[in-house]
């Protein structure tokens, strides 16, 4: 199962601390996924994952596997697709330009 391990292996130039990603889950109303992501981020000093991927992964992997698995399960148990679909339907006009 892909999860936070995979996320923390990635680098996003415009979102190095995954703050926009967290804001996205909040914006679509998926508080369960947002809470799991926020908790995963709190595993790092000041809730900011190190910019160096190897260091970031070392910190994350130092957390007990049961904790990491629990966070992954909470994240994937969230209704992300349904919340995203509801958000898109509610904000349909904002997405009109994407269909042309």
N, C-alpha and C. Protein backbone atom coordinates (compact mmCIF):
# COMPACT_ATOMS: atom_id res chain seq x y z
N UNK A 1 0.84 -1.17 0.00
CA UNK A 1 0.00 0.00 0.00
C UNK A 1 0.89 1.24 0.00
N UNK A 2 0.66 2.10 -0.97
CA UNK A 2 1.36 3.38 -0.98
C UNK A 2 0.88 4.18 0.21
N UNK A 3 1.73 4.97 0.73
CA UNK A 3 1.34 5.76 1.89
C UNK A 3 2.32 6.88 2.13
N UNK A 4 2.46 7.24 3.38
CA UNK A 4 3.31 8.36 3.73
C UNK A 4 4.78 8.10 3.38
N UNK A 5 5.21 6.87 3.41
CA UNK A 5 6.57 6.54 2.97
C UNK A 5 6.77 7.04 1.55
N UNK A 6 5.84 6.72 0.66
CA UNK A 6 5.94 7.16 -0.72
C UNK A 6 5.87 8.68 -0.83
N UNK A 7 4.98 9.28 -0.07
CA UNK A 7 4.86 10.74 -0.10
C UNK A 7 6.18 11.38 0.31
N UNK A 8 6.78 10.90 1.39
CA UNK A 8 7.99 11.51 1.90
C UNK A 8 9.22 11.18 1.06
N UNK A 9 9.08 10.27 0.09
CA UNK A 9 10.15 10.01 -0.88
C UNK A 9 10.13 11.04 -1.99
N UNK A 10 9.06 11.80 -2.07
CA UNK A 10 8.88 12.77 -3.15
C UNK A 10 9.33 14.16 -2.72
N UNK A 11 9.64 14.96 -3.72
CA UNK A 11 9.98 16.36 -3.49
C UNK A 11 9.10 17.21 -4.38
N UNK A 12 8.48 18.20 -3.80
CA UNK A 12 7.63 19.12 -4.54
C UNK A 12 8.21 20.53 -4.37
N UNK A 13 8.78 21.06 -5.42
CA UNK A 13 9.49 22.34 -5.34
C UNK A 13 8.62 23.45 -4.76
N UNK A 14 7.35 23.46 -5.11
CA UNK A 14 6.46 24.52 -4.65
C UNK A 14 5.79 24.20 -3.32
N UNK A 15 6.05 23.04 -2.77
CA UNK A 15 5.43 22.64 -1.49
C UNK A 15 6.38 21.75 -0.71
N UNK A 16 7.56 22.27 -0.35
CA UNK A 16 8.58 21.42 0.26
C UNK A 16 8.19 20.84 1.62
N UNK A 17 7.25 21.48 2.30
CA UNK A 17 6.85 21.00 3.62
C UNK A 17 5.44 20.40 3.61
N UNK A 18 4.88 20.20 2.41
CA UNK A 18 3.58 19.55 2.23
C UNK A 18 2.44 20.37 2.82
N UNK A 19 2.64 21.68 2.96
CA UNK A 19 1.61 22.55 3.54
C UNK A 19 0.44 22.74 2.58
N UNK A 20 0.72 22.89 1.29
CA UNK A 20 -0.36 23.05 0.32
C UNK A 20 -1.16 21.75 0.19
N UNK A 21 -0.46 20.64 0.27
CA UNK A 21 -1.16 19.35 0.23
C UNK A 21 -2.12 19.23 1.40
N UNK A 22 -1.67 19.57 2.58
CA UNK A 22 -2.53 19.54 3.76
C UNK A 22 -3.71 20.49 3.57
N UNK A 23 -3.44 21.69 3.07
CA UNK A 23 -4.51 22.66 2.85
C UNK A 23 -5.54 22.14 1.84
N UNK A 24 -5.08 21.35 0.89
CA UNK A 24 -5.99 20.79 -0.11
C UNK A 24 -7.00 19.84 0.53
N UNK A 25 -6.52 18.96 1.39
CA UNK A 25 -7.44 18.04 2.06
C UNK A 25 -8.42 18.79 2.95
N UNK A 26 -7.96 19.85 3.57
CA UNK A 26 -8.86 20.67 4.39
C UNK A 26 -9.88 21.35 3.49
N UNK A 27 -9.44 21.90 2.37
CA UNK A 27 -10.33 22.62 1.45
C UNK A 27 -11.44 21.74 0.90
N UNK A 28 -11.12 20.48 0.62
CA UNK A 28 -12.16 19.61 0.06
C UNK A 28 -13.03 19.00 1.15
N UNK A 29 -12.73 19.32 2.40
CA UNK A 29 -13.55 18.83 3.51
C UNK A 29 -13.22 17.42 3.95
N UNK A 30 -12.04 16.94 3.60
CA UNK A 30 -11.65 15.59 4.00
C UNK A 30 -10.79 15.68 5.26
N UNK A 31 -11.46 15.95 6.37
CA UNK A 31 -10.74 16.19 7.62
C UNK A 31 -10.01 14.94 8.10
N UNK A 32 -10.53 13.77 7.81
CA UNK A 32 -9.86 12.53 8.25
C UNK A 32 -8.48 12.40 7.61
N UNK A 33 -8.41 12.65 6.29
CA UNK A 33 -7.13 12.58 5.59
C UNK A 33 -6.22 13.71 6.05
N UNK A 34 -6.79 14.91 6.22
CA UNK A 34 -6.01 16.05 6.69
C UNK A 34 -5.43 15.78 8.08
N UNK A 35 -6.23 15.21 8.96
CA UNK A 35 -5.76 14.91 10.31
C UNK A 35 -4.63 13.89 10.29
N UNK A 36 -4.76 12.86 9.46
CA UNK A 36 -3.70 11.84 9.37
C UNK A 36 -2.42 12.45 8.80
N UNK A 37 -2.55 13.29 7.77
CA UNK A 37 -1.38 13.94 7.20
C UNK A 37 -0.75 14.89 8.21
N UNK A 38 -1.56 15.67 8.91
CA UNK A 38 -1.03 16.59 9.92
C UNK A 38 -0.28 15.82 11.01
N UNK A 39 -0.83 14.69 11.41
CA UNK A 39 -0.16 13.88 12.43
C UNK A 39 1.16 13.32 11.89
N UNK A 40 1.17 12.90 10.63
CA UNK A 40 2.40 12.40 10.02
C UNK A 40 3.44 13.53 9.96
N UNK A 41 3.02 14.72 9.66
CA UNK A 41 3.94 15.85 9.61
C UNK A 41 4.48 16.20 10.99
N UNK A 42 3.67 15.99 12.02
CA UNK A 42 4.12 16.28 13.39
C UNK A 42 5.21 15.31 13.86
N UNK A 43 5.47 14.27 13.10
CA UNK A 43 6.55 13.35 13.44
C UNK A 43 7.91 14.01 13.23
N UNK A 44 7.92 15.11 12.49
CA UNK A 44 9.15 15.83 12.18
C UNK A 44 9.30 17.05 13.08
N UNK A 45 10.52 17.46 13.34
CA UNK A 45 10.73 18.67 14.15
C UNK A 45 9.98 19.87 13.56
N UNK A 46 9.24 20.56 14.39
CA UNK A 46 8.45 21.72 13.97
C UNK A 46 7.45 21.38 12.87
N UNK A 47 7.07 20.12 12.76
CA UNK A 47 6.12 19.64 11.74
C UNK A 47 6.60 19.95 10.32
N UNK A 48 7.91 20.03 10.15
CA UNK A 48 8.49 20.34 8.85
C UNK A 48 9.46 19.24 8.46
N UNK A 49 9.07 18.41 7.52
CA UNK A 49 9.99 17.35 7.08
C UNK A 49 11.29 17.94 6.54
N UNK A 50 12.41 17.33 6.84
CA UNK A 50 13.68 17.82 6.29
C UNK A 50 13.64 17.84 4.77
N UNK A 51 14.31 18.81 4.19
CA UNK A 51 14.32 18.92 2.73
C UNK A 51 15.11 17.78 2.09
N UNK A 52 16.10 17.28 2.78
CA UNK A 52 16.88 16.16 2.27
C UNK A 52 16.05 14.87 2.41
N UNK A 53 15.82 14.21 1.29
CA UNK A 53 14.95 13.03 1.29
C UNK A 53 15.48 11.93 2.20
N UNK A 54 16.77 11.66 2.16
CA UNK A 54 17.32 10.59 2.99
C UNK A 54 17.11 10.88 4.47
N UNK A 55 17.33 12.12 4.87
CA UNK A 55 17.11 12.51 6.26
C UNK A 55 15.63 12.40 6.62
N UNK A 56 14.79 12.88 5.72
CA UNK A 56 13.34 12.83 5.94
C UNK A 56 12.89 11.39 6.15
N UNK A 57 13.35 10.49 5.29
CA UNK A 57 12.96 9.09 5.40
C UNK A 57 13.52 8.45 6.66
N UNK A 58 14.73 8.81 7.03
CA UNK A 58 15.32 8.26 8.26
C UNK A 58 14.49 8.65 9.48
N UNK A 59 14.06 9.89 9.53
CA UNK A 59 13.21 10.34 10.65
C UNK A 59 11.90 9.58 10.63
N UNK A 60 11.28 9.49 9.47
CA UNK A 60 9.99 8.81 9.37
C UNK A 60 10.11 7.33 9.71
N UNK A 61 11.14 6.67 9.22
CA UNK A 61 11.30 5.24 9.46
C UNK A 61 11.71 4.92 10.90
N UNK A 62 12.18 5.93 11.64
CA UNK A 62 12.51 5.74 13.05
C UNK A 62 11.26 5.63 13.91
N UNK A 63 10.13 6.03 13.36
CA UNK A 63 8.85 5.92 14.06
C UNK A 63 8.42 4.46 14.02
N UNK A 64 7.87 3.93 15.12
CA UNK A 64 7.45 2.53 15.11
C UNK A 64 6.52 2.20 13.93
N UNK A 65 6.73 1.05 13.35
CA UNK A 65 5.95 0.60 12.19
C UNK A 65 4.45 0.65 12.47
N UNK A 66 4.04 0.28 13.67
CA UNK A 66 2.61 0.29 14.02
C UNK A 66 2.04 1.70 13.90
N UNK A 67 2.82 2.68 14.30
CA UNK A 67 2.38 4.08 14.21
C UNK A 67 2.26 4.50 12.75
N UNK A 68 3.28 4.16 11.96
CA UNK A 68 3.25 4.51 10.54
C UNK A 68 2.08 3.82 9.83
N UNK A 69 1.89 2.54 10.12
CA UNK A 69 0.77 1.80 9.51
C UNK A 69 -0.57 2.39 9.92
N UNK A 70 -0.68 2.76 11.19
CA UNK A 70 -1.92 3.36 11.67
C UNK A 70 -2.25 4.66 10.95
N UNK A 71 -1.23 5.49 10.74
CA UNK A 71 -1.44 6.74 10.00
C UNK A 71 -1.85 6.47 8.57
N UNK A 72 -1.17 5.52 7.93
CA UNK A 72 -1.54 5.15 6.56
C UNK A 72 -2.98 4.66 6.50
N UNK A 73 -3.36 3.81 7.42
CA UNK A 73 -4.72 3.27 7.41
C UNK A 73 -5.75 4.37 7.62
N UNK A 74 -5.48 5.27 8.55
CA UNK A 74 -6.42 6.38 8.77
C UNK A 74 -6.56 7.23 7.53
N UNK A 75 -5.44 7.47 6.85
CA UNK A 75 -5.47 8.28 5.64
C UNK A 75 -6.30 7.59 4.55
N UNK A 76 -6.00 6.31 4.30
CA UNK A 76 -6.68 5.61 3.21
C UNK A 76 -8.11 5.25 3.55
N UNK A 77 -8.46 5.22 4.83
CA UNK A 77 -9.85 4.97 5.21
C UNK A 77 -10.73 6.21 5.04
N UNK A 78 -10.10 7.35 4.86
CA UNK A 78 -10.87 8.59 4.65
C UNK A 78 -11.56 8.51 3.29
N UNK A 79 -12.66 9.20 3.18
CA UNK A 79 -13.45 9.22 1.93
C UNK A 79 -12.91 10.27 0.96
N UNK A 80 -11.65 10.14 0.59
CA UNK A 80 -11.00 11.17 -0.23
C UNK A 80 -11.72 11.35 -1.56
N UNK A 81 -11.97 10.26 -2.27
CA UNK A 81 -12.60 10.38 -3.60
C UNK A 81 -13.98 10.99 -3.51
N UNK A 82 -14.77 10.57 -2.54
CA UNK A 82 -16.11 11.13 -2.40
C UNK A 82 -16.07 12.60 -2.02
N UNK A 83 -15.15 12.97 -1.12
CA UNK A 83 -15.03 14.37 -0.72
C UNK A 83 -14.57 15.22 -1.90
N UNK A 84 -13.62 14.71 -2.68
CA UNK A 84 -13.13 15.44 -3.83
C UNK A 84 -14.23 15.60 -4.88
N UNK A 85 -14.97 14.54 -5.13
CA UNK A 85 -16.07 14.63 -6.10
C UNK A 85 -17.12 15.64 -5.64
N UNK A 86 -17.45 15.63 -4.36
CA UNK A 86 -18.42 16.59 -3.83
C UNK A 86 -17.89 18.02 -3.97
N UNK A 87 -16.62 18.22 -3.71
CA UNK A 87 -16.01 19.54 -3.84
C UNK A 87 -16.08 20.02 -5.29
N UNK A 88 -15.76 19.13 -6.22
CA UNK A 88 -15.80 19.50 -7.64
C UNK A 88 -17.23 19.83 -8.06
N UNK A 89 -18.20 19.01 -7.64
CA UNK A 89 -19.60 19.30 -7.99
C UNK A 89 -20.03 20.65 -7.41
N UNK A 90 -19.66 20.92 -6.19
CA UNK A 90 -20.05 22.17 -5.52
C UNK A 90 -19.40 23.38 -6.19
N UNK A 91 -18.21 23.19 -6.73
CA UNK A 91 -17.45 24.28 -7.34
C UNK A 91 -17.30 24.10 -8.85
N UNK A 92 -18.31 23.52 -9.44
CA UNK A 92 -18.28 23.16 -10.86
C UNK A 92 -17.82 24.31 -11.75
N UNK A 93 -18.31 25.52 -11.49
CA UNK A 93 -17.96 26.65 -12.35
C UNK A 93 -16.46 26.93 -12.35
N UNK A 94 -15.81 26.71 -11.24
CA UNK A 94 -14.37 26.95 -11.14
C UNK A 94 -13.57 25.98 -12.03
N UNK A 95 -14.19 24.86 -12.38
CA UNK A 95 -13.50 23.85 -13.17
C UNK A 95 -13.90 23.88 -14.65
N UNK A 96 -14.80 24.76 -15.04
CA UNK A 96 -15.28 24.82 -16.42
C UNK A 96 -14.14 24.98 -17.41
N UNK A 97 -13.20 25.85 -17.11
CA UNK A 97 -12.11 26.14 -18.05
C UNK A 97 -11.25 24.92 -18.31
N UNK A 98 -11.28 23.96 -17.43
CA UNK A 98 -10.46 22.76 -17.61
C UNK A 98 -11.02 21.82 -18.65
N UNK A 99 -12.29 21.96 -18.98
CA UNK A 99 -12.91 21.04 -19.93
C UNK A 99 -12.85 21.54 -21.36
N UNK A 100 -12.26 22.69 -21.57
CA UNK A 100 -12.18 23.22 -22.93
C UNK A 100 -10.78 23.13 -23.48
